[in-house]
PDB file of N, CA and C in Angstrom:
ATOM      1  N   UNK A   1      33.181 -22.566   8.883  1.00  0.00           N
ATOM      2  CA  UNK A   1      33.302 -21.354   8.318  1.00  0.00           C
ATOM      3  C   UNK A   1      33.235 -20.244   9.154  1.00  0.00           C
ATOM      4  N   UNK A   2      33.706 -19.174  10.347  1.00  0.00           N
ATOM      5  CA  UNK A   2      33.300 -18.251  10.482  1.00  0.00           C
ATOM      6  C   UNK A   2      33.230 -17.276  10.013  1.00  0.00           C
ATOM      7  N   UNK A   3      31.862 -16.485  10.599  1.00  0.00           N
ATOM      8  CA  UNK A   3      31.251 -15.233   9.119  1.00  0.00           C
ATOM      9  C   UNK A   3      31.326 -14.080  10.133  1.00  0.00           C
ATOM     10  N   UNK A   4      32.687 -13.057   9.664  1.00  0.00           N
ATOM     11  CA  UNK A   4      32.247 -12.112  10.481  1.00  0.00           C
ATOM     12  C   UNK A   4      31.199 -10.612   9.825  1.00  0.00           C
ATOM     13  N   UNK A   5      31.311 -10.369  11.447  1.00  0.00           N
ATOM     14  CA  UNK A   5      30.243  -9.409  10.806  1.00  0.00           C
ATOM     15  C   UNK A   5      28.239  -9.973  11.710  1.00  0.00           C
ATOM     16  N   UNK A   6      28.635 -10.491  12.023  1.00  0.00           N
ATOM     17  CA  UNK A   6      27.668 -11.139  12.714  1.00  0.00           C
ATOM     18  C   UNK A   6      26.797 -10.146  13.621  1.00  0.00           C
ATOM     19  N   UNK A   7      25.281 -10.075  13.923  1.00  0.00           N
ATOM     20  CA  UNK A   7      24.954  -9.116  15.064  1.00  0.00           C
ATOM     21  C   UNK A   7      23.931 -10.097  16.285  1.00  0.00           C
ATOM     22  N   UNK A   8      24.082 -11.174  16.676  1.00  0.00           N
ATOM     23  CA  UNK A   8      23.403 -11.643  17.427  1.00  0.00           C
ATOM     24  C   UNK A   8      24.718 -12.476  18.229  1.00  0.00           C
ATOM     25  N   UNK A   9      24.768 -12.505  19.899  1.00  0.00           N
ATOM     26  CA  UNK A   9      25.568 -12.910  20.076  1.00  0.00           C
ATOM     27  C   UNK A   9      25.886 -14.578  19.884  1.00  0.00           C
ATOM     28  N   UNK A  10      24.739 -15.253  19.787  1.00  0.00           N
ATOM     29  CA  UNK A  10      24.545 -16.436  20.083  1.00  0.00           C
ATOM     30  C   UNK A  10      25.491 -16.698  18.690  1.00  0.00           C
ATOM     31  N   UNK A  11      25.133 -16.405  17.753  1.00  0.00           N
ATOM     32  CA  UNK A  11      25.998 -16.807  16.179  1.00  0.00           C
ATOM     33  C   UNK A  11      26.998 -16.279  16.571  1.00  0.00           C
ATOM     34  N   UNK A  12      28.403 -15.517  17.094  1.00  0.00           N
ATOM     35  CA  UNK A  12      28.961 -15.451  17.578  1.00  0.00           C
ATOM     36  C   UNK A  12      29.505 -17.060  17.946  1.00  0.00           C
ATOM     37  N   UNK A  13      28.829 -17.011  19.255  1.00  0.00           N
ATOM     38  CA  UNK A  13      29.307 -18.242  20.105  1.00  0.00           C
ATOM     39  C   UNK A  13      29.362 -19.617  18.344  1.00  0.00           C
ATOM     40  N   UNK A  14      28.547 -19.401  18.078  1.00  0.00           N
ATOM     41  CA  UNK A  14      28.235 -20.643  17.043  1.00  0.00           C
ATOM     42  C   UNK A  14      29.770 -20.721  16.319  1.00  0.00           C
ATOM     43  N   UNK A  15      30.015 -19.456  15.673  1.00  0.00           N
ATOM     44  CA  UNK A  15      31.631 -19.002  14.718  1.00  0.00           C
ATOM     45  C   UNK A  15      32.314 -19.325  15.404  1.00  0.00           C
ATOM     46  N   UNK A  16      32.422 -19.024  16.721  1.00  0.00           N
ATOM     47  CA  UNK A  16      33.732 -19.158  17.587  1.00  0.00           C
ATOM     48  C   UNK A  16      34.197 -20.718  18.156  1.00  0.00           C
ATOM     49  N   UNK A  17      32.543 -21.256  17.999  1.00  0.00           N
ATOM     50  CA  UNK A  17      32.787 -23.513  18.510  1.00  0.00           C
ATOM     51  C   UNK A  17      33.339 -23.586  17.095  1.00  0.00           C
ATOM     52  N   UNK A  18      32.920 -23.637  15.584  1.00  0.00           N
ATOM     53  CA  UNK A  18      33.632 -23.697  14.547  1.00  0.00           C
ATOM     54  C   UNK A  18      34.591 -23.835  14.614  1.00  0.00           C
ATOM     55  N   UNK A  19      35.897 -23.159  15.060  1.00  0.00           N
ATOM     56  CA  UNK A  19      37.053 -23.151  14.831  1.00  0.00           C
ATOM     57  C   UNK A  19      37.732 -24.376  15.711  1.00  0.00           C
ATOM     58  N   UNK A  20      37.110 -25.316  16.528  1.00  0.00           N
ATOM     59  CA  UNK A  20      37.004 -26.592  17.179  1.00  0.00           C
ATOM     60  C   UNK A  20      36.566 -27.799  16.680  1.00  0.00           C
ATOM     61  N   UNK A  21      36.053 -27.299  15.467  1.00  0.00           N
ATOM     62  CA  UNK A  21      35.513 -28.875  14.825  1.00  0.00           C
ATOM     63  C   UNK A  21      36.589 -28.952  14.236  1.00  0.00           C
ATOM     64  N   UNK A  22      36.972 -30.355  14.008  1.00  0.00           N
ATOM     65  CA  UNK A  22      37.971 -31.175  13.668  1.00  0.00           C
ATOM     66  C   UNK A  22      37.455 -32.228  12.719  1.00  0.00           C
ATOM     67  N   UNK A  23      37.635 -32.451  11.847  1.00  0.00           N
ATOM     68  CA  UNK A  23      37.415 -33.450  10.269  1.00  0.00           C
ATOM     69  C   UNK A  23      38.393 -34.521  10.302  1.00  0.00           C
ATOM     70  N   UNK A  24      37.949 -35.682  10.284  1.00  0.00           N
ATOM     71  CA  UNK A  24      38.321 -36.891  10.047  1.00  0.00           C
ATOM     72  C   UNK A  24      38.813 -36.800   8.896  1.00  0.00           C
ATOM     73  N   UNK A  25      39.830 -37.946   8.476  1.00  0.00           N
ATOM     74  CA  UNK A  25      40.450 -37.916   7.126  1.00  0.00           C
ATOM     75  C   UNK A  25      38.521 -38.447   6.416  1.00  0.00           C
ATOM     76  N   UNK A  26      38.453 -39.635   6.699  1.00  0.00           N
ATOM     77  CA  UNK A  26      37.137 -40.191   6.619  1.00  0.00           C
ATOM     78  C   UNK A  26      35.788 -38.890   6.252  1.00  0.00           C
ATOM     79  N   UNK A  27      35.835 -38.262   7.162  1.00  0.00           N
ATOM     80  CA  UNK A  27      34.410 -37.023   6.907  1.00  0.00           C
ATOM     81  C   UNK A  27      35.224 -36.159   5.892  1.00  0.00           C
ATOM     82  N   UNK A  28      36.504 -36.083   5.461  1.00  0.00           N
ATOM     83  CA  UNK A  28      36.669 -34.959   4.022  1.00  0.00           C
ATOM     84  C   UNK A  28      36.370 -36.100   3.238  1.00  0.00           C
ATOM     85  N   UNK A  29      36.946 -37.166   2.700  1.00  0.00           N
ATOM     86  CA  UNK A  29      36.313 -37.972   1.690  1.00  0.00           C
ATOM     87  C   UNK A  29      34.569 -37.663   1.687  1.00  0.00           C
ATOM     88  N   UNK A  30      33.908 -38.354   3.006  1.00  0.00           N
ATOM     89  CA  UNK A  30      32.740 -38.127   2.649  1.00  0.00           C
ATOM     90  C   UNK A  30      31.867 -36.866   2.400  1.00  0.00           C
ATOM     91  N   UNK A  31      32.772 -35.474   2.220  1.00  0.00           N
ATOM     92  CA  UNK A  31      32.823 -34.076   2.284  1.00  0.00           C
ATOM     93  C   UNK A  31      32.938 -34.458   0.925  1.00  0.00           C
ATOM     94  N   UNK A  32      33.763 -34.834   0.150  1.00  0.00           N
ATOM     95  CA  UNK A  32      34.568 -34.641  -1.205  1.00  0.00           C
ATOM     96  C   UNK A  32      33.409 -35.558  -2.266  1.00  0.00           C
ATOM     97  N   UNK A  33      33.506 -36.798  -2.184  1.00  0.00           N
ATOM     98  CA  UNK A  33      32.538 -37.101  -2.567  1.00  0.00           C
ATOM     99  C   UNK A  33      30.963 -36.803  -3.050  1.00  0.00           C
ATOM    100  N   UNK A  34      30.149 -35.837  -2.057  1.00  0.00           N
ATOM    101  CA  UNK A  34      29.359 -35.891  -1.835  1.00  0.00           C
ATOM    102  C   UNK A  34      28.959 -34.771  -2.830  1.00  0.00           C
ATOM    103  N   UNK A  35      29.908 -33.613  -2.210  1.00  0.00           N
ATOM    104  CA  UNK A  35      30.132 -32.632  -3.223  1.00  0.00           C
ATOM    105  C   UNK A  35      30.694 -32.570  -4.694  1.00  0.00           C
ATOM    106  N   UNK A  36      31.006 -33.732  -4.913  1.00  0.00           N
ATOM    107  CA  UNK A  36      31.444 -34.179  -6.554  1.00  0.00           C
ATOM    108  C   UNK A  36      30.008 -34.557  -6.948  1.00  0.00           C
ATOM    109  N   UNK A  37      28.900 -34.624  -6.553  1.00  0.00           N
ATOM    110  CA  UNK A  37      28.145 -35.126  -7.280  1.00  0.00           C
ATOM    111  C   UNK A  37      26.913 -33.477  -7.603  1.00  0.00           C
ATOM    112  N   UNK A  38      27.675 -32.270  -7.253  1.00  0.00           N
ATOM    113  CA  UNK A  38      26.857 -31.236  -6.861  1.00  0.00           C
ATOM    114  C   UNK A  38      27.424 -30.454  -8.572  1.00  0.00           C
ATOM    115  N   UNK A  39      25.826 -30.085  -9.012  1.00  0.00           N
ATOM    116  CA  UNK A  39      26.249 -29.605 -10.607  1.00  0.00           C
ATOM    117  C   UNK A  39      26.478 -27.818 -10.320  1.00  0.00           C
ATOM    118  N   UNK A  40      27.452 -27.523 -10.917  1.00  0.00           N
ATOM    119  CA  UNK A  40      27.352 -26.010 -11.135  1.00  0.00           C
ATOM    120  C   UNK A  40      26.943 -25.203 -12.666  1.00  0.00           C
ATOM    121  N   UNK A  41      25.827 -24.397 -11.911  1.00  0.00           N
ATOM    122  CA  UNK A  41      25.580 -23.945 -13.176  1.00  0.00           C
ATOM    123  C   UNK A  41      25.307 -22.750 -12.843  1.00  0.00           C
ATOM    124  N   UNK A  42      25.684 -21.743 -13.753  1.00  0.00           N
ATOM    125  CA  UNK A  42      25.767 -20.535 -14.322  1.00  0.00           C
ATOM    126  C   UNK A  42      26.617 -20.054 -13.888  1.00  0.00           C
ATOM    127  N   UNK A  43      26.868 -18.450 -13.728  1.00  0.00           N
ATOM    128  CA  UNK A  43      28.016 -18.018 -13.592  1.00  0.00           C
ATOM    129  C   UNK A  43      27.857 -17.384 -12.089  1.00  0.00           C
ATOM    130  N   UNK A  44      29.130 -16.863 -11.677  1.00  0.00           N
ATOM    131  CA  UNK A  44      28.781 -16.474 -10.097  1.00  0.00           C
ATOM    132  C   UNK A  44      28.356 -15.116 -10.147  1.00  0.00           C
ATOM    133  N   UNK A  45      29.027 -14.165 -10.905  1.00  0.00           N
ATOM    134  CA  UNK A  45      28.557 -12.788 -10.980  1.00  0.00           C
ATOM    135  C   UNK A  45      28.211 -12.477 -12.142  1.00  0.00           C
ATOM    136  N   UNK A  46      27.467 -11.774 -12.839  1.00  0.00           N
ATOM    137  CA  UNK A  46      26.505 -10.692 -13.961  1.00  0.00           C
ATOM    138  C   UNK A  46      28.110 -10.633 -14.786  1.00  0.00           C
ATOM    139  N   UNK A  47      28.266 -10.974 -16.266  1.00  0.00           N
ATOM    140  CA  UNK A  47      29.396 -11.106 -16.859  1.00  0.00           C
ATOM    141  C   UNK A  47      30.380  -9.346 -16.926  1.00  0.00           C
ATOM    142  N   UNK A  48      29.343  -8.620 -16.860  1.00  0.00           N
ATOM    143  CA  UNK A  48      29.885  -7.076 -16.355  1.00  0.00           C
ATOM    144  C   UNK A  48      30.520  -6.979 -14.892  1.00  0.00           C
ATOM    145  N   UNK A  49      30.072  -7.336 -14.041  1.00  0.00           N
ATOM    146  CA  UNK A  49      30.628  -7.354 -12.805  1.00  0.00           C
ATOM    147  C   UNK A  49      32.049  -8.483 -12.889  1.00  0.00           C
ATOM    148  N   UNK A  50      31.838  -9.734 -13.134  1.00  0.00           N
ATOM    149  CA  UNK A  50      33.091 -10.591 -13.090  1.00  0.00           C
ATOM    150  C   UNK A  50      34.011  -9.525 -13.933  1.00  0.00           C
ATOM    151  N   UNK A  51      34.021  -9.273 -14.723  1.00  0.00           N
ATOM    152  CA  UNK A  51      35.028  -8.492 -15.462  1.00  0.00           C
ATOM    153  C   UNK A  51      36.157  -7.496 -14.822  1.00  0.00           C
ATOM    154  N   UNK A  52      34.872  -7.187 -13.555  1.00  0.00           N
ATOM    155  CA  UNK A  52      35.986  -6.125 -12.571  1.00  0.00           C
ATOM    156  C   UNK A  52      36.708  -6.736 -11.582  1.00  0.00           C
ATOM    157  N   UNK A  53      36.160  -8.109 -11.617  1.00  0.00           N
ATOM    158  CA  UNK A  53      37.066  -8.868 -10.330  1.00  0.00           C
ATOM    159  C   UNK A  53      38.053  -9.872 -10.967  1.00  0.00           C
ATOM    160  N   UNK A  54      38.307  -9.827 -11.922  1.00  0.00           N
ATOM    161  CA  UNK A  54      40.021  -9.811 -12.638  1.00  0.00           C
ATOM    162  C   UNK A  54      39.751 -11.836 -12.516  1.00  0.00           C
ATOM    163  N   UNK A  55      39.030 -12.198 -12.760  1.00  0.00           N
ATOM    164  CA  UNK A  55      38.916 -13.624 -12.486  1.00  0.00           C
ATOM    165  C   UNK A  55      39.391 -14.323 -13.884  1.00  0.00           C
TER     166      UNK A  55
END
């Protein structure tokens, strides 16, 4: 995922190169399987800030 606002040319080159990355169905299956084992803990934002996001 390219990250806008980089200040280093080498990071910009990496970001541009990432747009050419192709994932196979097997790659996606492995990523899905691995990420399913990650336990998410806690809130993304403090409660007061989350109320302002409308989520």
